[in-house]
Protein backbone atom coordinates (compact mmCIF):
# COMPACT_ATOMS: atom_id res chain seq x y z
CA MET A 1 -8.74 -3.64 -3.58
CA ASP A 2 -7.20 -2.33 -0.41
CA LEU A 3 -3.44 -2.57 0.23
CA SER A 4 -4.12 -4.80 3.24
CA GLN A 5 -5.66 -7.37 0.85
CA ILE A 6 -2.50 -7.77 -1.25
CA ASN A 7 -0.40 -10.85 -0.51
CA LYS A 8 3.32 -10.85 0.13
CA ASN A 9 5.32 -10.58 -3.14
CA GLN A 10 2.21 -9.46 -5.05
CA LYS A 11 2.35 -6.27 -7.13
CA ALA A 12 -0.40 -3.72 -7.64
CA HIS A 13 -0.92 -0.30 -9.22
CA ILE A 14 -2.12 2.59 -7.09
CA LYS A 15 -5.49 3.85 -8.35
CA SER A 16 -6.32 6.16 -5.46
CA ILE A 17 -5.06 7.20 -2.04
CA HIS A 18 -7.57 7.48 0.79
CA ALA A 19 -5.68 9.17 3.63
CA GLN A 20 -5.60 12.36 5.62
CA ASN A 21 -3.87 15.21 3.85
CA THR A 22 -0.67 15.03 5.92
CA LEU A 23 -0.20 11.31 5.28
CA LYS A 24 -1.12 11.71 1.62
CA LYS A 25 1.56 14.40 1.18
CA ARG A 26 4.12 12.16 2.92
CA LEU A 27 3.32 9.22 0.64
CA LEU A 28 3.60 11.45 -2.43
CA SER A 29 6.98 12.76 -1.19
CA LEU A 30 8.17 9.15 -1.01
CA GLY A 31 7.18 8.60 -4.64
CA LEU A 32 3.95 6.72 -3.95
CA GLY A 33 1.32 8.22 -6.21
CA ILE A 34 -1.52 7.31 -8.51
CA GLY A 35 -0.32 5.11 -11.38
CA LYS A 36 2.76 3.84 -9.52
CA GLU A 37 3.38 0.13 -9.03
CA VAL A 38 3.96 -1.19 -5.52
CA GLU A 39 4.96 -4.62 -4.22
CA VAL A 40 4.33 -6.01 -0.75
CA VAL A 41 7.68 -7.36 0.40
CA GLU A 42 6.93 -7.77 4.11
CA THR A 43 4.12 -7.18 6.58
CA SER A 44 4.32 -6.39 10.26
CA LEU A 45 1.09 -8.13 11.20
CA GLN A 46 0.71 -11.87 10.85
CA LYS A 47 -2.59 -13.58 10.17
CA LYS A 48 -3.31 -16.24 12.74
CA TYR A 49 -5.74 -19.05 12.13
CA HIS A 50 -7.10 -21.24 14.91
């Protein structure tokens, strides 16, 4: 499952990180690594249905 598929307030465990090396290093420096739990608390893009 991709992070963009997780709903607000849903938790998930990181199984892998698919990113360019610079971004991957930045995420790891913020404590986001394989095996860590994350929770989506807010999104900047809203889904719009017509």
